[in-house]
Protein backbone atom coordinates (compact mmCIF):
# COMPACT_ATOMS: atom_id res chain seq x y z
CA MET A 1 95.79 11.82 44.33
CA ASN A 2 97.46 11.02 40.95
CA TYR A 3 95.92 13.84 38.92
CA LEU A 4 95.66 17.60 39.15
CA ASN A 5 92.80 19.75 37.85
CA LEU A 6 93.75 23.44 37.96
CA ASN A 7 90.09 24.35 37.41
CA ASN A 8 88.88 22.41 40.43
CA LEU A 9 91.51 22.13 43.15
CA SER A 10 90.94 20.08 46.26
CA ILE A 11 91.03 21.82 49.63
CA LEU A 12 94.57 20.58 50.20
CA GLN A 13 95.65 21.77 46.75
CA THR A 14 93.98 25.17 47.30
CA LYS A 15 95.94 25.63 50.52
CA GLU A 16 99.11 24.59 48.73
CA LEU A 17 98.43 27.18 46.01
CA ASP A 18 98.27 29.88 48.71
CA VAL A 19 101.60 28.65 50.10
CA VAL A 20 103.14 28.70 46.61
CA SER A 21 102.03 32.31 46.09
CA CYS A 22 104.02 33.39 49.16
CA GLN A 23 107.07 31.36 48.17
CA ILE A 24 107.48 32.78 44.68
CA LYS A 25 107.00 36.49 45.43
CA LYS A 26 110.73 37.29 45.51
CA GLU A 27 111.43 35.45 42.25
CA PHE A 28 108.43 37.13 40.64
CA ASN A 29 109.76 40.55 41.62
CA GLN A 30 113.06 39.60 39.98
CA LEU A 31 111.19 38.49 36.85
CA THR A 32 109.39 41.84 36.48
CA GLU A 33 112.72 43.61 36.87
CA LYS A 34 114.20 41.44 34.11
CA ILE A 35 111.26 42.24 31.83
CA LEU A 36 111.81 45.95 32.41
CA THR A 37 115.57 45.86 31.88
CA SER A 38 115.12 43.72 28.73
CA ASN A 39 112.95 46.45 27.30
CA LYS A 40 113.08 50.23 27.42
CA THR A 41 112.73 51.32 31.04
CA ASN A 42 110.68 54.36 30.10
CA LEU A 43 107.59 55.74 31.81
CA THR A 44 105.15 53.76 29.66
CA TRP A 45 106.87 50.49 30.51
CA LEU A 46 107.04 51.38 34.22
CA LEU A 47 103.24 51.77 34.13
CA HIS A 48 102.51 48.63 32.10
CA PRO A 49 100.22 46.07 33.87
CA LEU A 50 102.69 43.28 32.99
CA VAL A 51 105.29 44.66 35.43
CA SER A 52 102.81 46.10 37.95
CA ARG A 53 103.02 42.99 40.18
CA ASN A 54 99.30 43.60 40.61
CA PRO A 55 97.03 40.52 40.21
CA TYR A 56 94.07 42.82 39.47
CA HIS A 57 95.81 44.33 36.44
CA SER A 58 97.69 41.32 35.07
CA ASP A 59 97.12 37.56 35.31
CA LEU A 60 100.83 36.81 35.09
CA PHE A 61 101.36 36.20 38.81
CA ILE A 62 98.34 33.93 39.29
CA GLN A 63 99.27 32.04 36.10
CA LEU A 64 102.76 31.44 37.49
CA CYS A 65 101.28 30.29 40.80
CA TYR A 66 99.22 27.63 38.97
CA LEU A 67 102.20 26.62 36.83
CA THR A 68 104.48 26.34 39.88
CA LEU A 69 101.88 24.22 41.67
CA ALA A 70 101.60 21.93 38.64
CA LYS A 71 105.39 21.66 38.36
CA LYS A 72 105.62 20.76 42.04
CA PHE A 73 103.07 17.98 41.59
CA ILE A 74 105.00 16.69 38.58
CA ASP A 75 108.35 16.81 40.42
CA ASP A 76 106.82 15.01 43.41
CA GLY A 77 105.46 12.29 41.15
CA LYS A 78 101.85 13.05 42.04
CA CYS A 79 100.64 13.65 38.49
CA LYS A 80 101.06 10.21 36.97
CA ASN A 81 98.02 10.03 34.73
CA LYS A 82 96.36 13.31 33.85
CA LEU A 83 96.89 17.01 34.29
CA ILE A 84 93.99 19.34 33.48
CA VAL A 85 94.94 22.96 32.83
CA GLN A 86 93.08 26.23 32.27
CA ASN A 87 94.40 27.52 28.94
CA HIS A 88 96.64 26.68 25.99
CA PHE A 89 99.59 28.61 27.47
CA GLN A 90 99.64 26.36 30.52
CA LYS A 91 99.26 23.30 28.28
CA SER A 92 102.18 24.27 26.02
CA ILE A 93 104.49 25.21 28.91
CA LEU A 94 103.81 22.06 30.94
CA ASN A 95 104.00 19.74 27.91
CA LYS A 96 107.51 21.02 27.19
CA TYR A 97 108.49 20.53 30.81
CA LEU A 98 107.09 16.98 30.93
CA LYS A 99 108.99 16.15 27.74
CA SER A 100 112.25 17.44 29.26
CA LYS A 101 111.65 15.26 32.34
CA ASN A 102 110.65 12.18 30.28
CA THR A 103 107.46 12.00 32.33
CA GLU A 104 104.37 10.38 30.83
CA CYS A 105 101.36 12.44 31.74
CA THR A 106 98.47 13.63 29.61
CA VAL A 107 97.89 17.38 29.68
CA ALA A 108 94.30 18.28 28.86
CA LYS A 109 92.94 21.78 28.34
CA THR A 110 89.44 22.96 29.16
CA LYS A 111 87.52 25.22 26.81
CA HIS A 112 88.61 28.26 28.78
CA ASN A 113 91.20 30.48 27.09
CA ILE A 114 92.83 33.78 27.92
CA LYS A 115 90.83 36.24 25.80
CA LEU A 116 91.41 39.76 24.55
CA ASN A 117 88.51 41.23 26.59
CA LYS A 118 90.98 43.08 28.81
CA LEU A 119 92.51 44.91 25.86
CA ILE A 120 89.11 45.84 24.43
CA TYR A 121 87.94 47.11 27.82
CA GLY A 122 91.20 49.05 28.20
CA ILE A 123 90.74 50.82 24.87
CA TYR A 124 87.11 51.65 25.68
CA SER A 125 88.01 52.97 29.15
CA VAL A 126 90.78 55.20 27.79
CA PHE A 127 88.51 56.92 25.29
CA GLU A 128 85.55 57.10 27.69
CA ARG A 129 87.75 58.73 30.32
CA SER A 130 89.23 61.17 27.78
CA PHE A 131 85.79 62.38 26.68
CA LEU A 132 84.65 62.83 30.29
CA TYR A 133 87.74 64.87 31.22
CA LEU A 134 87.56 67.01 28.09
CA ARG A 135 83.85 67.74 28.57
CA SER A 136 84.30 68.68 32.23
CA ARG A 137 87.31 70.93 31.65
CA ASP A 138 87.06 74.52 32.89
CA LYS A 139 90.09 76.83 32.62
CA HIS A 140 88.50 79.47 34.88
CA ARG A 141 88.76 77.18 37.91
CA VAL A 142 92.57 77.40 37.90
CA SER A 143 92.80 81.17 37.58
CA GLY A 144 94.92 82.72 40.31
CA LEU A 145 96.53 79.41 41.23
CA ALA A 146 100.04 80.67 40.42
CA GLU A 147 99.69 83.55 42.92
CA GLN A 148 99.42 81.16 45.88
CA ASP A 149 102.50 80.11 47.81
CA GLY A 150 103.23 76.69 49.22
CA ILE A 151 100.35 74.64 47.81
CA ILE A 152 99.86 71.18 49.30
CA ILE A 153 98.43 68.63 46.89
CA LEU A 154 96.30 65.91 48.43
CA ASP A 155 95.66 63.07 46.01
CA THR A 156 92.22 61.52 46.47
CA PHE A 157 89.19 60.07 44.63
CA LEU A 158 85.82 61.52 43.64
CA LEU A 159 82.89 59.22 44.39
CA GLY A 160 79.18 59.53 43.79
CA ASN A 161 78.58 60.44 47.46
CA SER A 162 81.42 62.96 47.74
CA LEU A 163 79.09 65.93 48.14
CA LYS A 164 76.81 66.30 51.15
CA ALA A 165 74.91 69.41 52.24
CA GLY A 166 76.95 71.60 49.93
CA ARG A 167 80.31 70.37 51.20
CA TYR A 168 82.88 68.07 49.70
CA ILE A 169 83.12 64.93 51.81
CA ASP A 170 86.32 62.99 51.35
CA ARG A 171 86.16 59.26 52.01
CA TYR A 172 89.91 58.76 52.20
CA TYR A 173 91.10 61.48 54.62
CA PRO A 174 88.00 62.34 56.68
CA ASN A 175 88.40 65.36 58.95
CA ILE A 176 92.10 65.75 58.09
CA LEU A 177 91.71 69.53 57.83
CA ASP A 178 89.97 69.95 61.20
CA SER A 179 93.21 70.39 63.14
CA LEU A 180 94.53 73.11 60.82
CA SER A 181 94.04 76.84 61.13
CA SER A 182 91.98 78.57 58.45
CA SER A 183 95.13 80.15 57.01
CA LYS A 184 96.76 76.74 56.58
CA VAL A 185 93.61 75.14 55.15
CA LYS A 186 93.78 77.61 52.25
CA HIS A 187 97.02 75.97 51.11
CA VAL A 188 95.54 72.46 50.86
CA PHE A 189 94.12 71.43 47.48
CA TRP A 190 92.23 68.20 46.88
CA VAL A 191 93.22 66.63 43.57
CA PRO A 192 90.64 63.92 42.85
CA THR A 193 90.66 61.07 40.38
CA ILE A 194 87.12 60.34 39.27
CA LEU A 195 85.84 56.88 40.19
CA GLY A 196 82.66 55.31 38.88
CA LYS A 197 80.18 56.76 36.41
CA PHE A 198 80.11 60.54 36.33
CA LYS A 199 78.70 63.12 33.95
CA SER A 200 80.43 66.43 33.27
CA HIS A 201 77.74 68.51 35.03
CA GLN A 202 78.19 66.41 38.18
CA VAL A 203 81.90 67.23 38.22
CA HIS A 204 81.06 70.93 37.87
CA SER A 205 78.54 70.79 40.73
CA VAL A 206 81.06 69.26 43.17
CA TRP A 207 83.45 72.12 42.46
CA ASN A 208 80.82 74.87 42.44
CA ASP A 209 78.98 73.78 45.58
CA SER A 210 81.95 72.88 47.78
CA GLU A 211 83.83 75.21 50.11
CA GLU A 212 87.04 73.15 49.85
CA ASN A 213 89.85 73.80 47.39
CA ILE A 214 89.40 71.27 44.60
CA LEU A 215 91.90 71.15 41.77
CA TYR A 216 90.80 69.07 38.81
CA LYS A 217 93.63 67.69 36.73
CA GLN A 218 91.62 68.06 33.52
CA ASP A 219 91.47 71.85 33.97
CA LEU A 220 95.21 72.01 33.33
CA LEU A 221 95.63 69.15 30.89
CA ARG A 222 95.63 69.89 27.17
CA PHE A 223 94.10 67.93 24.31
CA SER A 224 97.63 67.02 23.24
CA ASP A 225 98.22 65.33 26.61
CA TYR A 226 95.44 62.84 25.91
CA THR A 227 96.63 62.11 22.38
CA SER A 228 100.24 61.81 23.57
CA ALA A 229 99.24 59.38 26.31
CA ILE A 230 97.24 57.22 23.88
CA MET A 231 100.08 57.20 21.33
CA MET A 232 102.60 56.30 24.04
CA LEU A 233 100.48 53.33 25.10
CA PHE A 234 99.95 52.04 21.56
CA GLY A 235 103.60 52.72 20.72
CA THR A 236 105.06 50.60 23.51
CA SER A 237 107.27 47.96 21.96
CA PHE A 238 108.32 44.56 23.27
CA ASN A 239 111.75 42.94 22.87
CA GLY A 240 110.81 39.51 21.58
CA LYS A 241 114.38 38.20 21.49
CA THR A 242 114.66 37.72 25.26
CA GLN A 243 113.68 34.31 26.59
CA TYR A 244 112.01 34.19 29.98
CA LYS A 245 112.12 31.24 32.35
CA PHE A 246 110.46 30.78 35.73
CA LYS A 247 111.15 27.70 37.86
CA ASP A 248 112.72 26.06 34.76
CA LEU A 249 109.53 26.69 32.80
CA ASN A 250 109.76 28.61 29.52
CA ILE A 251 107.09 31.33 29.90
CA SER A 252 108.13 33.61 27.02
CA LYS A 253 104.89 33.19 25.03
CA LEU A 254 102.77 33.84 28.13
CA ILE A 255 104.66 37.07 28.84
CA ARG A 256 104.27 38.26 25.25
CA HIS A 257 100.54 37.60 25.46
CA GLU A 258 100.21 39.48 28.76
CA PHE A 259 102.11 42.37 27.19
CA ARG A 260 99.71 42.53 24.23
CA ILE A 261 96.46 42.44 26.20
CA GLY A 262 97.76 44.94 28.76
CA LYS A 263 99.18 47.38 26.23
CA VAL A 264 96.30 49.82 26.66
CA SER A 265 95.06 50.02 30.24
CA LYS A 266 92.98 52.58 32.09
CA SER A 267 95.38 52.64 35.05
CA ALA A 268 98.44 53.27 32.85
CA PHE A 269 96.54 55.98 30.97
CA GLU A 270 95.59 57.71 34.22
CA GLY A 271 99.22 57.40 35.32
CA LEU A 272 100.43 59.19 32.18
CA LEU A 273 97.84 61.94 32.67
CA ASN A 274 99.08 62.36 36.25
CA PHE A 275 102.61 62.80 34.88
CA PHE A 276 101.43 65.45 32.40
CA PHE A 277 99.44 67.15 35.18
CA PHE A 278 102.63 68.02 37.04
CA LYS A 279 104.17 69.20 33.79
CA ARG A 280 101.28 71.64 33.33
CA LEU A 281 101.48 72.77 36.95
CA LYS A 282 105.10 73.70 36.39
CA GLU A 283 104.34 75.50 33.12
CA ASN A 284 101.69 77.54 34.95
CA ASN A 285 104.22 78.53 37.64
CA VAL A 286 102.27 76.81 40.42
CA LYS A 287 104.38 76.60 43.58
CA LEU A 288 104.16 73.40 45.61
CA GLU A 289 105.25 72.71 49.17
CA LEU A 290 104.18 69.09 49.65
CA VAL A 291 102.77 66.30 47.50
CA ILE A 292 100.68 63.59 49.17
CA ASN A 293 99.66 60.56 47.16
CA TRP A 294 97.03 57.99 48.17
CA ASN A 295 99.54 55.24 47.61
CA GLU A 296 98.74 51.74 46.40
CA ASN A 297 101.80 51.61 44.14
CA GLN A 298 99.60 51.19 41.10
CA ALA A 299 100.29 52.72 37.69
CA ILE A 300 98.19 55.75 38.59
CA ASP A 301 100.38 56.34 41.67
CA LYS A 302 103.65 55.75 39.82
CA GLY A 303 102.74 58.32 37.20
CA PHE A 304 101.75 60.77 39.94
CA ILE A 305 105.05 60.43 41.82
CA LYS A 306 107.16 60.33 38.66
CA GLY A 307 105.56 63.61 37.55
CA ALA A 308 106.17 65.23 40.94
CA LYS A 309 109.83 64.13 41.06
CA THR A 310 110.46 65.14 37.44
CA TYR A 311 109.00 68.64 37.52
CA TYR A 312 109.28 69.40 41.25
CA PRO A 313 112.43 67.53 42.35
CA GLU A 314 112.87 69.83 45.34
CA VAL A 315 109.36 69.15 46.71
CA TYR A 316 108.92 66.41 49.31
CA SER A 317 106.48 63.61 48.52
CA LYS A 318 104.57 61.30 50.83
CA GLY A 319 102.65 58.16 49.97
CA TYR A 320 99.78 57.55 52.38
CA GLN A 321 98.61 53.94 52.73
CA GLY A 322 95.40 54.47 54.67
CA TYR A 323 94.28 50.83 54.60
CA ILE A 324 95.14 47.31 55.70
CA ILE A 325 95.21 44.62 53.01
CA SER A 326 96.89 41.29 52.42
CA THR A 327 100.56 41.76 51.53
CA ASP A 328 100.67 38.11 50.42
CA TYR A 329 98.23 38.81 47.59
CA ASN A 330 98.70 42.56 47.21
CA PHE A 331 102.49 42.48 47.50
CA TYR A 332 102.72 45.19 44.83
CA ILE A 333 102.24 47.77 47.62
CA GLN A 334 105.70 46.81 48.88
CA PRO A 335 108.15 48.93 46.85
CA THR A 336 111.12 47.28 45.17
CA GLU A 337 114.57 48.82 44.88
CA TYR A 338 114.11 48.98 41.11
CA GLU A 339 110.95 51.08 41.48
CA ILE A 340 112.69 53.38 43.96
CA ASN A 341 115.67 53.88 41.65
CA ASN A 342 113.34 54.77 38.77
CA GLY A 343 111.59 57.54 40.70
CA VAL A 344 108.07 56.12 41.01
CA ILE A 345 108.08 55.74 44.82
CA PRO A 346 107.45 58.69 47.21
CA ASP A 347 110.20 60.00 49.47
CA GLU A 348 108.28 58.62 52.44
CA ILE A 349 105.63 55.93 52.86
CA CYS A 350 103.10 56.59 55.63
CA VAL A 351 101.18 53.67 57.14
CA ILE A 352 98.36 53.86 59.68
CA GLY A 353 99.89 51.70 62.42
CA LYS A 354 103.36 51.07 63.83
CA SER A 355 102.90 47.31 63.44
CA LEU A 356 102.43 47.76 59.68
CA GLU A 357 105.80 49.39 58.99
CA SER A 358 107.83 46.18 58.67
CA ARG A 359 105.42 44.75 56.06
CA ILE A 360 106.11 47.62 53.68
CA LYS A 361 109.89 47.30 54.12
CA GLU A 362 110.03 43.66 53.06
CA ASN A 363 111.87 44.34 49.78
CA LYS A 364 113.82 47.38 51.01
CA PRO A 365 114.62 47.36 54.76
CA ASN A 366 116.01 50.92 54.76
CA LEU A 367 112.93 52.35 53.01
CA LYS A 368 111.65 55.43 54.82
CA VAL A 369 108.36 54.32 56.39
CA THR A 370 106.57 56.25 59.14
CA THR A 371 103.24 56.03 60.94
CA CYS A 372 100.53 58.65 60.46
CA PRO A 373 96.96 58.84 61.78
CA ALA A 374 94.37 56.38 60.50
CA TYR A 375 91.93 59.10 59.44
CA ARG A 376 89.36 56.69 57.99
CA PHE A 377 89.22 54.64 61.18
CA GLN A 378 88.94 57.21 63.95
CA ASN A 379 85.46 55.98 64.79
CA LEU A 380 87.16 52.95 66.30
CA TYR A 381 87.82 55.14 69.31
CA LYS A 382 84.13 55.93 69.78
CA ASP A 383 81.59 53.81 71.59
CA TYR A 384 78.43 52.96 69.71
CA PRO A 385 75.19 51.90 71.41
CA VAL A 386 74.27 48.23 71.32
CA LYS A 387 70.60 47.41 70.89
CA LYS A 388 69.21 45.48 73.82
CA ASP A 389 66.67 43.55 71.78
CA ARG A 390 68.98 42.58 68.95
CA GLN A 391 69.20 39.06 67.58
CA ASP A 392 72.42 37.23 66.92
CA ASN A 393 73.71 39.04 63.82
CA ILE A 394 76.24 37.95 61.21
CA LEU A 395 77.63 40.67 58.97
CA VAL A 396 79.06 39.77 55.56
CA VAL A 397 81.32 42.50 54.14
CA LEU A 398 81.98 42.23 50.42
CA PRO A 399 85.22 43.47 48.85
CA ILE A 400 85.44 45.52 45.64
CA GLY A 401 86.16 42.53 43.38
CA ILE A 402 83.17 40.72 41.85
CA ASN A 403 84.98 37.34 41.81
CA GLU A 404 86.01 37.61 45.47
CA SER A 405 82.49 38.63 46.45
CA TYR A 406 80.99 35.73 44.49
CA ASN A 407 83.34 33.30 46.25
CA ILE A 408 82.17 34.57 49.66
CA ILE A 409 78.46 34.41 48.80
CA SER A 410 78.62 30.99 47.13
CA THR A 411 80.68 29.35 49.91
CA LEU A 412 78.42 30.82 52.60
CA SER A 413 75.29 29.77 50.68
CA TYR A 414 76.42 26.14 50.45
CA ALA A 415 77.20 26.22 54.17
CA LEU A 416 73.75 27.48 55.10
CA LYS A 417 71.98 25.08 52.74
CA ASN A 418 73.58 22.11 54.45
CA GLU A 419 72.85 23.28 57.98
CA HIS A 420 70.30 25.91 58.89
CA ILE A 421 71.32 28.27 61.66
CA ASP A 422 68.33 29.22 63.77
CA GLY A 423 67.95 32.65 65.24
CA TYR A 424 70.68 34.35 63.20
CA SER A 425 70.20 37.32 60.93
CA ILE A 426 72.66 37.55 58.05
CA PHE A 427 73.33 41.04 56.66
CA ILE A 428 75.24 41.85 53.49
CA LYS A 429 77.19 45.11 53.26
CA SER A 430 78.78 45.69 49.88
CA HIS A 431 81.73 47.83 48.84
CA PRO A 432 80.53 51.25 47.60
CA LEU A 433 82.07 50.62 44.15
CA ILE A 434 80.67 47.13 43.58
CA ASN A 435 77.63 46.62 41.36
CA ILE A 436 75.41 44.72 43.78
CA LYS A 437 72.70 44.10 41.14
CA LYS A 438 75.27 42.49 38.86
CA LEU A 439 76.57 40.35 41.72
CA LYS A 440 73.06 39.15 42.61
CA ARG A 441 72.49 38.30 38.96
CA ILE A 442 75.73 36.28 38.81
CA CYS A 443 74.91 34.46 42.06
CA GLY A 444 71.40 33.56 40.91
CA PRO A 445 69.84 30.96 43.27
CA LEU A 446 72.95 31.09 45.46
CA TRP A 447 71.72 34.45 46.71
CA LEU A 448 69.59 33.16 49.57
CA LYS A 449 66.38 34.81 50.72
CA LEU A 450 67.72 35.12 54.24
CA PHE A 451 70.45 37.52 53.03
CA LYS A 452 69.50 41.09 53.87
CA ILE A 453 71.31 43.98 52.21
CA ILE A 454 72.18 46.65 54.74
CA ASP A 455 73.47 50.18 54.28
CA GLY A 456 74.58 52.93 56.61
CA ASP A 457 77.40 53.64 59.02
CA PHE A 458 79.65 50.59 59.29
CA ASN A 459 80.57 51.40 62.89
CA GLU A 460 76.94 51.40 64.05
CA ILE A 461 76.29 48.17 62.16
CA VAL A 462 79.34 46.28 63.44
CA ALA A 463 78.66 47.37 67.03
CA ASN A 464 75.51 45.24 66.81
CA THR A 465 77.19 42.31 65.11
CA ASN A 466 78.39 39.04 66.62
CA ILE A 467 80.54 37.80 63.71
CA VAL A 468 81.94 39.40 60.55
CA ILE A 469 82.57 37.31 57.43
CA GLY A 470 84.57 38.41 54.38
CA SER A 471 88.02 38.70 52.76
CA ALA A 472 90.33 41.29 51.17
CA SER A 473 89.01 44.24 53.16
CA SER A 474 90.29 46.60 55.87
CA THR A 475 86.89 46.27 57.53
CA LEU A 476 87.94 42.84 58.83
CA MET A 477 90.80 44.34 60.83
CA GLU A 478 88.48 47.14 61.87
CA SER A 479 86.06 44.52 63.24
CA ILE A 480 88.84 42.74 65.15
CA ALA A 481 89.92 46.07 66.63
CA ARG A 482 86.41 46.28 68.09
CA GLY A 483 86.61 42.77 69.52
CA ILE A 484 84.29 41.28 66.89
CA PRO A 485 85.54 37.86 65.67
CA VAL A 486 86.16 37.46 61.95
CA ILE A 487 85.81 34.56 59.52
CA ILE A 488 87.89 34.85 56.34
CA ILE A 489 86.65 32.85 53.35
CA GLY A 490 89.46 31.07 51.55
CA ASN A 491 89.30 31.35 47.76
CA ARG A 492 88.65 28.01 46.02
CA ASN A 493 89.06 29.61 42.56
CA GLY A 494 92.22 31.63 43.06
CA LEU A 495 94.41 33.07 45.77
CA THR A 496 93.10 33.84 49.25
CA GLN A 497 93.27 37.45 50.38
CA ASN A 498 93.72 37.42 54.13
CA PRO A 499 94.31 40.99 55.37
CA ILE A 500 94.96 39.99 58.99
CA PRO A 501 98.65 40.40 59.99
CA GLU A 502 100.27 37.31 61.53
CA THR A 503 100.86 39.17 64.80
CA VAL A 504 97.12 39.40 65.53
CA ASP A 505 95.86 36.79 68.02
CA GLN A 506 94.12 34.00 66.09
CA ALA A 507 91.53 33.72 68.84
CA LEU A 508 89.82 36.57 66.99
CA TRP A 509 89.89 35.20 63.46
CA LEU A 510 89.64 31.94 61.54
CA LEU A 511 90.38 31.08 57.92
CA CYS A 512 87.78 28.79 56.33
CA TYR A 513 87.87 27.00 52.98
CA THR A 514 84.79 24.78 53.21
CA PRO A 515 81.13 25.21 54.15
CA GLU A 516 81.74 22.84 57.07
CA ASP A 517 84.58 25.04 58.32
CA ILE A 518 82.29 28.07 58.22
CA ILE A 519 79.52 26.41 60.23
CA ASN A 520 81.98 25.13 62.83
CA SER A 521 83.63 28.54 63.10
CA ILE A 522 80.28 30.30 63.57
CA LYS A 523 79.39 27.88 66.35
CA THR A 524 82.83 28.31 67.95
CA PHE A 525 82.49 32.08 68.10
CA MET A 526 78.81 32.10 69.10
CA GLU A 527 79.24 29.63 71.95
CA ARG A 528 82.09 31.44 73.69
CA PRO A 529 81.38 32.34 77.32
CA ASP A 530 81.00 35.98 78.29
CA ASN A 531 84.32 36.13 80.16
CA VAL A 532 86.22 35.05 77.02
CA ILE A 533 84.36 37.59 74.90
CA GLN A 534 85.18 40.39 77.33
CA SER A 535 88.83 39.32 77.50
CA LEU A 536 89.13 39.44 73.70
CA LYS A 537 87.46 42.85 73.58
CA SER A 538 89.99 44.10 76.11
CA TYR A 539 92.84 42.73 73.97
CA SER A 540 91.36 44.42 70.90
CA ARG A 541 91.31 47.81 72.61
CA THR A 542 95.00 47.54 73.46
CA MET A 543 95.99 46.51 69.93
CA ARG A 544 94.07 49.31 68.15
CA ILE A 545 96.80 51.87 68.48
CA ASN A 546 99.33 49.48 66.88
CA TYR A 547 97.26 49.22 63.70
CA PHE A 548 95.09 52.34 63.73
CA MET A 549 96.97 55.37 65.03
CA PRO A 550 94.58 57.92 66.57
CA VAL A 551 94.54 61.52 65.39
CA GLY A 552 96.64 63.73 67.64
CA TYR A 553 98.86 60.89 68.88
CA ASN A 554 102.32 62.40 69.58
CA ASN A 555 101.14 65.42 67.55
CA ILE A 556 101.75 63.52 64.30
CA ASN A 557 99.75 64.85 61.35
CA LEU A 558 100.12 63.94 57.71
CA LEU A 559 99.92 67.63 56.74
CA GLU A 560 100.80 69.69 59.80
CA LYS A 561 104.32 68.42 60.28
CA VAL A 562 105.56 69.76 56.97
CA ILE A 563 103.52 72.97 57.06
CA SER A 564 104.87 73.95 60.47
CA ASN A 565 108.41 73.28 59.32
C-alpha cells in the first residue's frame, strides 16, 4: 500500500499502531520529564494533563503514536503518493519532515481539527464542582475530629448507589472493615470524591444516614482554597523558548496547544483541593496514622499524596490499585523516578495479585510494591448456580469510555449483520458511570434489536455466560478467572486496551480486530468439547490467587497490618 490514511487505518496498520504505542512509551516518559524540567516543576505543573501520561486527559500520546506510524511509513518508502492526516498539527509536522528528507508526498488534512472543547469543559467542570462542594459544606460534621488518635484515611469515591438500607456501601473496598474489631473500625474514615451528578442534599443524606465514618473534604476546605486552586490553574505559565523533538519530528507547536487546552482541568483542580485538604487537616490538629489512596496515578491522586507528604511527612502512605487494566495503554499507572522524586507517589503501591507486581515496577525496579487482598473480587471464590434451562449466552461488558464502548458495539454489530448466530442471547452490561442512553443515541441503527441490556450482580450473570466480549475492563480478567473465555475487541479508531497480562494462557482469550475474527472466535469457543472446557476452568481456579488475592491470605490486610503495628 503506497498511501496512509490516519483516519481509516487498515487492519495491518491498526496492529502496527498498537505495536508503536508499546515501543515509544519509554521515550514518551522522557519527553514528559523534559517538559516538566523545562518549566517550573511546581504542583500545578505536576498535575497538568500534558505531563499526566494519561491518554484520557491529554491527546499528546495518541498524537505521537500516529505521527510515529506515519514517519515509519515514510522512512520505509511506503507513502509514495499521498498521506492523509487528522489535523493541521500533524500536517505541519509531517510536511517539515518530508521536506527534510526530500521526499515527494502530498499531505492532505481532513476537516477534523483539535478543538478547544476540552478547555471549555474543564472550566465548566471546575466551577460546577466548586458550587457543589460549597453548597454541601457542613462544619459541624468535623467537630471533635481533632480529639481522635490515629485516624486512618481511606480514599474512595461516592456514587449514586453508595447508600443502601441506611448504610454506606463502598464499591472500591467492599467488606474491608469486616475483619476489624469495633474499636479499630472507629479509626477508619472514608474520604470520598464525588463522582457523577449529585445535589447537595444527597451528599448530606449519605452522611446523615450512614453508620460509617465519612469525612467530606469540603467540610474542611475554605472558600479561599477554591479561588487559590482556580488562580493557580489559570496562572500556569509555559516556557515557549524550549524546542521539543520526538523521533526527529518537531512537535513544539503541538505541545503548546496541548498545554493551552489542558490548562484548566477537573482532575488537576480536584488534585489541588486534595492538597489543600491535608493542609486544613493539619491546621485543625487532626492526627493521622495511615493514608490510603485509591491509586491510578492521576492528577487527583498526585495532589492527594503530595498533600499527605507535605503536611504529614511522618505518616505512611499506601496506594491501592484494586483493578487490572492494560499497562500498554494505561502506562501512567506505572510510576516514574521523576514522579517519585517529586513526592506524588505513595510510600508503597499495593496491587491485588502477586503476578501484577512486576508490571508496576517497569520504570522503577526497586519501587516498593506489595500484594494486598482483591476486595472487589472476592466473589470469585464463591460458586454461583448455573441455570439448567439457559441458552447459549454472550455477555458484552462496556468500559467507562464512550468511544471504546462505541467501538465494541459497532464492530460486534457489523459481525452479526454479516452472519446471524442462531440460538445465542446477547446481553449488554454497561459501566455504572457510562450514559447508556447517550451511547444508544450515538450508535443509532448499529444498536441491534437482539441486544438486551442487563443489570444486576455481575458474578451471577457471568456464571450463566458462555463468552464475554469487551475491552479495557477488569471484568475481562474476572471472567477468565472463572474459566469463561474472553474476546477483546481491537480498536480500529485508536489504541487497543487489552487488560489481559501476557502470562495468561491464550486458550482463554482472543484479540479480534474484524467482524470476521469475532464470528470465528465465537465459534471456536462455543464448539470446544466439554473436557477442554473443564480443563480450562481448572486452570482458571489455580491462577485466581496470582491475580486476585483472597481476603485473609497470609493474614495480609490493607488496614490491619499498620494498625496492629
